[in-house]
Structures are given as C-alpha cells and as structure tokens.
C-alpha atoms as a PDB file:
ATOM      1  CA  UNK A   1     -47.000 -16.826 -54.249  1.00  0.00           C
ATOM      2  CA  UNK A   2     -44.656 -13.872 -54.440  1.00  0.00           C
ATOM      3  CA  UNK A   3     -45.927 -10.491 -53.291  1.00  0.00           C
ATOM      4  CA  UNK A   4     -44.455  -7.335 -54.714  1.00  0.00           C
ATOM      5  CA  UNK A   5     -44.059  -4.434 -52.338  1.00  0.00           C
ATOM      6  CA  UNK A   6     -44.872  -1.100 -53.874  1.00  0.00           C
ATOM      7  CA  UNK A   7     -42.051   1.294 -53.217  1.00  0.00           C
ATOM      8  CA  UNK A   8     -43.060   4.672 -51.802  1.00  0.00           C
ATOM      9  CA  UNK A   9     -40.894   7.571 -52.859  1.00  0.00           C
ATOM     10  CA  UNK A  10     -40.289  10.783 -51.002  1.00  0.00           C
ATOM     11  CA  UNK A  11     -41.515  12.901 -53.896  1.00  0.00           C
ATOM     12  CA  UNK A  12     -45.110  11.801 -53.347  1.00  0.00           C
ATOM     13  CA  UNK A  13     -45.102  13.658 -50.036  1.00  0.00           C
ATOM     14  CA  UNK A  14     -43.669  16.941 -51.255  1.00  0.00           C
ATOM     15  CA  UNK A  15     -46.979  18.635 -52.056  1.00  0.00           C
ATOM     16  CA  UNK A  16     -48.459  18.642 -48.583  1.00  0.00           C
ATOM     17  CA  UNK A  17     -45.020  18.740 -46.982  1.00  0.00           C
ATOM     18  CA  UNK A  18     -44.164  22.011 -48.686  1.00  0.00           C
ATOM     19  CA  UNK A  19     -47.318  23.747 -47.455  1.00  0.00           C
ATOM     20  CA  UNK A  20     -47.052  22.333 -43.923  1.00  0.00           C
ATOM     21  CA  UNK A  21     -43.348  23.076 -43.491  1.00  0.00           C
ATOM     22  CA  UNK A  22     -43.596  26.595 -44.883  1.00  0.00           C
ATOM     23  CA  UNK A  23     -46.622  27.306 -42.714  1.00  0.00           C
ATOM     24  CA  UNK A  24     -45.102  26.040 -39.471  1.00  0.00           C
ATOM     25  CA  UNK A  25     -41.739  27.628 -40.182  1.00  0.00           C
ATOM     26  CA  UNK A  26     -43.325  31.015 -40.916  1.00  0.00           C
ATOM     27  CA  UNK A  27     -45.564  30.679 -37.869  1.00  0.00           C
ATOM     28  CA  UNK A  28     -42.672  30.121 -35.492  1.00  0.00           C
ATOM     29  CA  UNK A  29     -40.275  32.589 -37.067  1.00  0.00           C
ATOM     30  CA  UNK A  30     -42.596  35.518 -37.744  1.00  0.00           C
ATOM     31  CA  UNK A  31     -44.386  35.266 -34.395  1.00  0.00           C
ATOM     32  CA  UNK A  32     -41.203  34.781 -32.373  1.00  0.00           C
ATOM     33  CA  UNK A  33     -39.590  37.718 -34.158  1.00  0.00           C
ATOM     34  CA  UNK A  34     -42.665  39.856 -33.517  1.00  0.00           C
ATOM     35  CA  UNK A  35     -42.684  38.954 -29.822  1.00  0.00           C
ATOM     36  CA  UNK A  36     -38.966  39.596 -29.460  1.00  0.00           C
ATOM     37  CA  UNK A  37     -39.390  43.021 -31.021  1.00  0.00           C
ATOM     38  CA  UNK A  38     -42.236  43.890 -28.643  1.00  0.00           C
ATOM     39  CA  UNK A  39     -40.324  42.500 -25.670  1.00  0.00           C
ATOM     40  CA  UNK A  40     -37.184  44.455 -26.580  1.00  0.00           C
ATOM     41  CA  UNK A  41     -39.320  47.630 -26.672  1.00  0.00           C
ATOM     42  CA  UNK A  42     -40.290  46.863 -23.057  1.00  0.00           C
ATOM     43  CA  UNK A  43     -43.792  45.662 -23.868  1.00  0.00           C
ATOM     44  CA  UNK A  44     -45.764  44.055 -21.061  1.00  0.00           C
ATOM     45  CA  UNK A  45     -46.757  40.389 -20.963  1.00  0.00           C
ATOM     46  CA  UNK A  46     -50.308  41.330 -21.966  1.00  0.00           C
ATOM     47  CA  UNK A  47     -48.944  43.298 -24.915  1.00  0.00           C
ATOM     48  CA  UNK A  48     -46.867  40.308 -26.000  1.00  0.00           C
ATOM     49  CA  UNK A  49     -49.793  37.906 -25.785  1.00  0.00           C
ATOM     50  CA  UNK A  50     -52.145  40.234 -27.670  1.00  0.00           C
ATOM     51  CA  UNK A  51     -49.507  40.884 -30.347  1.00  0.00           C
ATOM     52  CA  UNK A  52     -48.769  37.168 -30.624  1.00  0.00           C
ATOM     53  CA  UNK A  53     -52.422  36.160 -31.003  1.00  0.00           C
ATOM     54  CA  UNK A  54     -53.025  38.933 -33.527  1.00  0.00           C
ATOM     55  CA  UNK A  55     -49.953  37.845 -35.457  1.00  0.00           C
ATOM     56  CA  UNK A  56     -51.112  34.225 -35.337  1.00  0.00           C
ATOM     57  CA  UNK A  57     -54.568  35.034 -36.698  1.00  0.00           C
ATOM     58  CA  UNK A  58     -53.328  37.449 -39.369  1.00  0.00           C
ATOM     59  CA  UNK A  59     -50.505  35.161 -40.441  1.00  0.00           C
ATOM     60  CA  UNK A  60     -52.695  32.057 -40.691  1.00  0.00           C
ATOM     61  CA  UNK A  61     -55.248  33.946 -42.795  1.00  0.00           C
ATOM     62  CA  UNK A  62     -52.521  35.406 -45.007  1.00  0.00           C
ATOM     63  CA  UNK A  63     -50.875  32.018 -45.516  1.00  0.00           C
ATOM     64  CA  UNK A  64     -54.208  30.388 -46.370  1.00  0.00           C
ATOM     65  CA  UNK A  65     -55.172  33.074 -48.897  1.00  0.00           C
ATOM     66  CA  UNK A  66     -51.720  33.194 -50.467  1.00  0.00           C
ATOM     67  CA  UNK A  67     -51.469  29.429 -50.805  1.00  0.00           C
ATOM     68  CA  UNK A  68     -55.013  29.142 -52.142  1.00  0.00           C
ATOM     69  CA  UNK A  69     -54.408  31.794 -54.815  1.00  0.00           C
ATOM     70  CA  UNK A  70     -51.055  30.291 -55.797  1.00  0.00           C
ATOM     71  CA  UNK A  71     -52.274  26.708 -56.034  1.00  0.00           C
ATOM     72  CA  UNK A  72     -55.509  27.803 -57.733  1.00  0.00           C
ATOM     73  CA  UNK A  73     -53.428  29.414 -60.469  1.00  0.00           C
ATOM     74  CA  UNK A  74     -51.538  26.156 -60.865  1.00  0.00           C
ATOM     75  CA  UNK A  75     -54.811  24.214 -60.988  1.00  0.00           C
ATOM     76  CA  UNK A  76     -56.198  26.589 -63.637  1.00  0.00           C
ATOM     77  CA  UNK A  77     -53.075  26.083 -65.756  1.00  0.00           C
ATOM     78  CA  UNK A  78     -53.361  22.311 -65.428  1.00  0.00           C
ATOM     79  CA  UNK A  79     -57.034  22.420 -66.417  1.00  0.00           C
ATOM     80  CA  UNK A  80     -56.265  24.574 -69.447  1.00  0.00           C
ATOM     81  CA  UNK A  81     -53.506  22.176 -70.529  1.00  0.00           C
ATOM     82  CA  UNK A  82     -55.833  19.180 -70.144  1.00  0.00           C
ATOM     83  CA  UNK A  83     -58.577  20.885 -72.167  1.00  0.00           C
ATOM     84  CA  UNK A  84     -56.128  21.688 -74.958  1.00  0.00           C
ATOM     85  CA  UNK A  85     -54.768  18.132 -74.900  1.00  0.00           C
ATOM     86  CA  UNK A  86     -58.286  16.695 -75.097  1.00  0.00           C
ATOM     87  CA  UNK A  87     -59.010  18.829 -78.179  1.00  0.00           C
ATOM     88  CA  UNK A  88     -55.771  17.752 -79.838  1.00  0.00           C
ATOM     89  CA  UNK A  89     -56.577  14.091 -79.208  1.00  0.00           C
ATOM     90  CA  UNK A  90     -59.975  14.585 -80.820  1.00  0.00           C
ATOM     91  CA  UNK A  91     -58.614  16.369 -83.901  1.00  0.00           C
ATOM     92  CA  UNK A  92     -55.191  14.746 -84.417  1.00  0.00           C
ATOM     93  CA  UNK A  93     -55.077  11.344 -82.751  1.00  0.00           C
ATOM     94  CA  UNK A  94     -52.299  10.082 -85.028  1.00  0.00           C
ATOM     95  CA  UNK A  95     -50.080  13.059 -84.359  1.00  0.00           C
ATOM     96  CA  UNK A  96     -50.624  12.791 -80.603  1.00  0.00           C
ATOM     97  CA  UNK A  97     -49.825   9.068 -80.747  1.00  0.00           C
ATOM     98  CA  UNK A  98     -46.561   9.814 -82.533  1.00  0.00           C
ATOM     99  CA  UNK A  99     -45.743  12.484 -79.986  1.00  0.00           C
ATOM    100  CA  UNK A 100     -46.313  10.079 -77.084  1.00  0.00           C
ATOM    101  CA  UNK A 101     -44.234   7.365 -78.738  1.00  0.00           C
ATOM    102  CA  UNK A 102     -41.417   9.854 -79.315  1.00  0.00           C
ATOM    103  CA  UNK A 103     -41.390  10.619 -75.587  1.00  0.00           C
ATOM    104  CA  UNK A 104     -40.846   6.933 -74.815  1.00  0.00           C
ATOM    105  CA  UNK A 105     -38.118   6.699 -77.451  1.00  0.00           C
ATOM    106  CA  UNK A 106     -36.419   9.617 -75.737  1.00  0.00           C
ATOM    107  CA  UNK A 107     -36.508   7.660 -72.490  1.00  0.00           C
ATOM    108  CA  UNK A 108     -34.673   4.754 -74.059  1.00  0.00           C
ATOM    109  CA  UNK A 109     -37.267   2.455 -75.632  1.00  0.00           C
ATOM    110  CA  UNK A 110     -36.916   1.171 -79.158  1.00  0.00           C
ATOM    111  CA  UNK A 111     -39.287   2.781 -81.671  1.00  0.00           C
ATOM    112  CA  UNK A 112     -41.279  -0.449 -82.035  1.00  0.00           C
ATOM    113  CA  UNK A 113     -41.672  -0.911 -78.273  1.00  0.00           C
ATOM    114  CA  UNK A 114     -42.447   2.768 -77.768  1.00  0.00           C
ATOM    115  CA  UNK A 115     -45.209   2.541 -80.387  1.00  0.00           C
ATOM    116  CA  UNK A 116     -46.620  -0.536 -78.664  1.00  0.00           C
ATOM    117  CA  UNK A 117     -46.556   1.104 -75.233  1.00  0.00           C
ATOM    118  CA  UNK A 118     -48.209   4.267 -76.553  1.00  0.00           C
ATOM    119  CA  UNK A 119     -50.913   2.174 -78.232  1.00  0.00           C
ATOM    120  CA  UNK A 120     -51.707   0.169 -75.096  1.00  0.00           C
ATOM    121  CA  UNK A 121     -51.737   3.185 -72.800  1.00  0.00           C
ATOM    122  CA  UNK A 122     -53.927   5.174 -75.190  1.00  0.00           C
ATOM    123  CA  UNK A 123     -56.354   2.277 -75.437  1.00  0.00           C
ATOM    124  CA  UNK A 124     -56.836   2.371 -71.671  1.00  0.00           C
ATOM    125  CA  UNK A 125     -56.961   6.165 -71.162  1.00  0.00           C
ATOM    126  CA  UNK A 126     -55.390   8.343 -73.827  1.00  0.00           C
ATOM    127  CA  UNK A 127     -55.866  11.621 -71.956  1.00  0.00           C
ATOM    128  CA  UNK A 128     -54.335  10.236 -68.752  1.00  0.00           C
ATOM    129  CA  UNK A 129     -51.339   8.890 -70.667  1.00  0.00           C
ATOM    130  CA  UNK A 130     -50.675  12.223 -72.375  1.00  0.00           C
ATOM    131  CA  UNK A 131     -51.349  14.188 -69.196  1.00  0.00           C
ATOM    132  CA  UNK A 132     -48.796  12.225 -67.210  1.00  0.00           C
ATOM    133  CA  UNK A 133     -46.057  11.675 -69.760  1.00  0.00           C
ATOM    134  CA  UNK A 134     -46.401  14.773 -71.940  1.00  0.00           C
ATOM    135  CA  UNK A 135     -47.654  17.369 -69.444  1.00  0.00           C
ATOM    136  CA  UNK A 136     -46.389  15.915 -66.163  1.00  0.00           C
ATOM    137  CA  UNK A 137     -49.891  15.946 -64.648  1.00  0.00           C
ATOM    138  CA  UNK A 138     -51.313  13.015 -62.676  1.00  0.00           C
ATOM    139  CA  UNK A 139     -54.028  12.609 -60.058  1.00  0.00           C
ATOM    140  CA  UNK A 140     -51.359  11.929 -57.428  1.00  0.00           C
ATOM    141  CA  UNK A 141     -49.741  15.334 -57.856  1.00  0.00           C
ATOM    142  CA  UNK A 142     -52.662  17.474 -59.063  1.00  0.00           C
ATOM    143  CA  UNK A 143     -52.896  20.930 -57.509  1.00  0.00           C
ATOM    144  CA  UNK A 144     -55.449  21.016 -54.669  1.00  0.00           C
ATOM    145  CA  UNK A 145     -55.974  24.640 -53.570  1.00  0.00           C
ATOM    146  CA  UNK A 146     -58.250  24.046 -50.583  1.00  0.00           C
ATOM    147  CA  UNK A 147     -56.038  21.302 -49.168  1.00  0.00           C
ATOM    148  CA  UNK A 148     -52.933  23.489 -49.526  1.00  0.00           C
ATOM    149  CA  UNK A 149     -54.677  26.491 -47.944  1.00  0.00           C
ATOM    150  CA  UNK A 150     -55.895  24.498 -44.939  1.00  0.00           C
ATOM    151  CA  UNK A 151     -52.494  22.872 -44.443  1.00  0.00           C
ATOM    152  CA  UNK A 152     -50.769  26.261 -44.523  1.00  0.00           C
ATOM    153  CA  UNK A 153     -53.221  27.926 -42.136  1.00  0.00           C
ATOM    154  CA  UNK A 154     -53.244  25.089 -39.609  1.00  0.00           C
ATOM    155  CA  UNK A 155     -49.495  24.592 -39.642  1.00  0.00           C
ATOM    156  CA  UNK A 156     -48.876  28.351 -39.318  1.00  0.00           C
ATOM    157  CA  UNK A 157     -51.234  28.551 -36.349  1.00  0.00           C
ATOM    158  CA  UNK A 158     -49.571  25.565 -34.659  1.00  0.00           C
ATOM    159  CA  UNK A 159     -46.126  27.038 -35.206  1.00  0.00           C
ATOM    160  CA  UNK A 160     -47.155  30.516 -34.027  1.00  0.00           C
ATOM    161  CA  UNK A 161     -48.789  29.126 -30.888  1.00  0.00           C
ATOM    162  CA  UNK A 162     -45.425  27.889 -29.571  1.00  0.00           C
ATOM    163  CA  UNK A 163     -43.704  31.259 -29.015  1.00  0.00           C
ATOM    164  CA  UNK A 164     -47.002  32.770 -27.793  1.00  0.00           C
ATOM    165  CA  UNK A 165     -47.246  30.102 -25.094  1.00  0.00           C
ATOM    166  CA  UNK A 166     -43.650  30.727 -24.099  1.00  0.00           C
ATOM    167  CA  UNK A 167     -44.289  34.469 -23.837  1.00  0.00           C
ATOM    168  CA  UNK A 168     -47.383  33.880 -21.705  1.00  0.00           C
ATOM    169  CA  UNK A 169     -45.734  31.463 -19.281  1.00  0.00           C
ATOM    170  CA  UNK A 170     -42.237  32.792 -18.576  1.00  0.00           C
ATOM    171  CA  UNK A 171     -41.293  35.706 -16.358  1.00  0.00           C
ATOM    172  CA  UNK A 172     -40.310  39.112 -17.718  1.00  0.00           C
ATOM    173  CA  UNK A 173     -36.626  38.557 -16.972  1.00  0.00           C
ATOM    174  CA  UNK A 174     -36.554  35.321 -18.988  1.00  0.00           C
ATOM    175  CA  UNK A 175     -38.955  36.031 -21.819  1.00  0.00           C
ATOM    176  CA  UNK A 176     -36.434  37.255 -24.438  1.00  0.00           C
ATOM    177  CA  UNK A 177     -33.934  34.377 -24.031  1.00  0.00           C
ATOM    178  CA  UNK A 178     -36.757  31.863 -23.582  1.00  0.00           C
ATOM    179  CA  UNK A 179     -38.611  32.954 -26.712  1.00  0.00           C
ATOM    180  CA  UNK A 180     -35.409  33.088 -28.751  1.00  0.00           C
ATOM    181  CA  UNK A 181     -33.861  29.811 -27.596  1.00  0.00           C
ATOM    182  CA  UNK A 182     -37.025  27.725 -27.602  1.00  0.00           C
ATOM    183  CA  UNK A 183     -38.161  29.107 -30.974  1.00  0.00           C
ATOM    184  CA  UNK A 184     -34.788  28.254 -32.504  1.00  0.00           C
ATOM    185  CA  UNK A 185     -35.059  24.781 -30.988  1.00  0.00           C
ATOM    186  CA  UNK A 186     -38.511  24.375 -32.545  1.00  0.00           C
ATOM    187  CA  UNK A 187     -37.156  25.568 -35.899  1.00  0.00           C
ATOM    188  CA  UNK A 188     -34.260  23.115 -35.709  1.00  0.00           C
ATOM    189  CA  UNK A 189     -36.660  20.276 -34.925  1.00  0.00           C
ATOM    190  CA  UNK A 190     -38.918  21.287 -37.793  1.00  0.00           C
ATOM    191  CA  UNK A 191     -35.961  21.457 -40.163  1.00  0.00           C
ATOM    192  CA  UNK A 192     -34.828  17.994 -39.071  1.00  0.00           C
ATOM    193  CA  UNK A 193     -38.283  16.479 -39.554  1.00  0.00           C
ATOM    194  CA  UNK A 194     -38.735  18.112 -42.951  1.00  0.00           C
ATOM    195  CA  UNK A 195     -35.327  16.885 -44.126  1.00  0.00           C
ATOM    196  CA  UNK A 196     -36.047  13.353 -42.895  1.00  0.00           C
ATOM    197  CA  UNK A 197     -39.438  13.151 -44.600  1.00  0.00           C
ATOM    198  CA  UNK A 198     -38.021  14.654 -47.779  1.00  0.00           C
ATOM    199  CA  UNK A 199     -35.042  12.292 -47.795  1.00  0.00           C
ATOM    200  CA  UNK A 200     -32.433  15.047 -47.400  1.00  0.00           C
ATOM    201  CA  UNK A 201     -29.615  15.415 -44.831  1.00  0.00           C
ATOM    202  CA  UNK A 202     -31.119  16.198 -41.443  1.00  0.00           C
ATOM    203  CA  UNK A 203     -28.171  18.172 -40.095  1.00  0.00           C
ATOM    204  CA  UNK A 204     -28.140  20.478 -43.112  1.00  0.00           C
ATOM    205  CA  UNK A 205     -31.880  21.078 -42.890  1.00  0.00           C
ATOM    206  CA  UNK A 206     -31.732  21.868 -39.183  1.00  0.00           C
ATOM    207  CA  UNK A 207     -28.671  24.111 -39.461  1.00  0.00           C
ATOM    208  CA  UNK A 208     -30.027  26.110 -42.387  1.00  0.00           C
ATOM    209  CA  UNK A 209     -33.339  27.017 -40.777  1.00  0.00           C
ATOM    210  CA  UNK A 210     -31.749  27.670 -37.383  1.00  0.00           C
ATOM    211  CA  UNK A 211     -29.086  30.063 -38.678  1.00  0.00           C
ATOM    212  CA  UNK A 212     -31.507  32.005 -40.867  1.00  0.00           C
ATOM    213  CA  UNK A 213     -34.043  32.091 -38.061  1.00  0.00           C
ATOM    214  CA  UNK A 214     -31.461  33.435 -35.606  1.00  0.00           C
ATOM    215  CA  UNK A 215     -30.536  36.224 -38.032  1.00  0.00           C
ATOM    216  CA  UNK A 216     -34.182  37.227 -38.507  1.00  0.00           C
ATOM    217  CA  UNK A 217     -34.859  37.219 -34.770  1.00  0.00           C
ATOM    218  CA  UNK A 218     -31.710  39.215 -34.023  1.00  0.00           C
ATOM    219  CA  UNK A 219     -32.698  41.884 -36.546  1.00  0.00           C
ATOM    220  CA  UNK A 220     -36.186  42.216 -35.092  1.00  0.00           C
ATOM    221  CA  UNK A 221     -34.830  42.243 -31.553  1.00  0.00           C
ATOM    222  CA  UNK A 222     -32.435  45.041 -32.460  1.00  0.00           C
ATOM    223  CA  UNK A 223     -35.184  47.096 -34.109  1.00  0.00           C
ATOM    224  CA  UNK A 224     -37.445  46.629 -31.078  1.00  0.00           C
ATOM    225  CA  UNK A 225     -34.668  47.717 -28.703  1.00  0.00           C
ATOM    226  CA  UNK A 226     -34.011  50.793 -30.843  1.00  0.00           C
ATOM    227  CA  UNK A 227     -37.667  51.760 -30.869  1.00  0.00           C
ATOM    228  CA  UNK A 228     -37.832  51.250 -27.110  1.00  0.00           C
ATOM    229  CA  UNK A 229     -34.886  53.605 -26.643  1.00  0.00           C
ATOM    230  CA  UNK A 230     -36.455  56.265 -28.860  1.00  0.00           C
ATOM    231  CA  UNK A 231     -39.665  56.162 -26.834  1.00  0.00           C
ATOM    232  CA  UNK A 232     -37.686  57.010 -23.745  1.00  0.00           C
END
C-alpha cells in the first residue's frame, strides 16, 4: 500500500513566525539601543538594569497591544467578508457558483471541469469553498489576535532579556562593547533562523538585520554620549 506524504510548505508558518521574529528582533534591538544610550551617558549598572527591565516590560506590553489591535482588525474584516459571502450564497447561489467556476477557469481548468469542481466543493461546504478560493480565507491562516499578541509579547521579552543580562553581568569597562557585540550576534542568529524557517537565504537574512541593528545602536550610542557630555 502506497502512503502519500503531505508536503509542508513554509508559508504555513509565516503567521506565527512574523509575530515571533518581529517581537524578538524589537526586544533585542530596542533594549540594547536603550542600554547603550544609558551606558554612553555614564549611567551606573543599576541604572542600566532598571532601564532595561522597564524597557522590557513597556515594550512587551506595547507589542502585545499593537499586535492584538492589528490582528483584531484583520479578523473583523475577515468576519465581515464571510458574513457578506454567506448572504450572497443565500440570495444568489447560481451567481456565486458561476463566480467560483470562473476562478477555476482562470487557474487553467476547462469550463466543464471547473463547473464540476465548483459543484462538488459547494456540495461539501459552499461557504468554505468561496472563503478559500474567492476571499483567500481558510482556517489554517485565519487571523488569531490573542495568539499573535502573546507571541509578540513573549518573544519581545525573551529578546529584551538578553542585553539586560549582559548589562547586569559584565564590568563597566566592557559593558558597551559587550552589549553591542553580543546583541548584534543575537540579531544575526535570529535573522539566520528566521530565514531558514521561511525558506529564504540565511546569509542575506543575517546580514540585513545585523547591519540595520548596528546602525540603530550606533545612533543611540552617539546620542547617549552627547547627552552625557552636556550633563558635564
């Protein structure tokens, strides 16, 4: 008996991957930049740790709220589209059938086969068939606000914790290079993992996030040093 292996595509992972990658990336970059700015202004270790923890908590909450609002808007739009589609199926089943068949013709099926496919799919679940093929909505990729918010908050907190731990453990003389170098290393690793899971080139993903991260950290470091000079 022959068994068919179901192929798993990268696109199925992009929903949670987007929230997790953005959260962790923002956690590392924003917190490391914040700590570098405080360190450049001659802040003490206690000041760095307090600033880092405050930034972690505020950033995680902000990411969760922002992601929840964004994905909730998407979910509301999907629900409105499904409600409208359900009404159209109830009032104009023939027209909706023709519309679904036309979609399959556009994908390369003959009109007769497209009509047959549309008939069979509608017989099983007409709304699901129209939702997936006409609206691009399926259970596998439906917007899930709470899941996205939790993923963003947790990943941000995990990312932000890395530079905070570095700031708490290293000596004053080493804290700026340690925070900068190790945070960039974490960003490069995150970029590599994200590219691998998403099926993209790992070197490009790592290089892009590392270069942009270095620019952001350098700007914050420079601003912190300037503020420190003005205070003196």
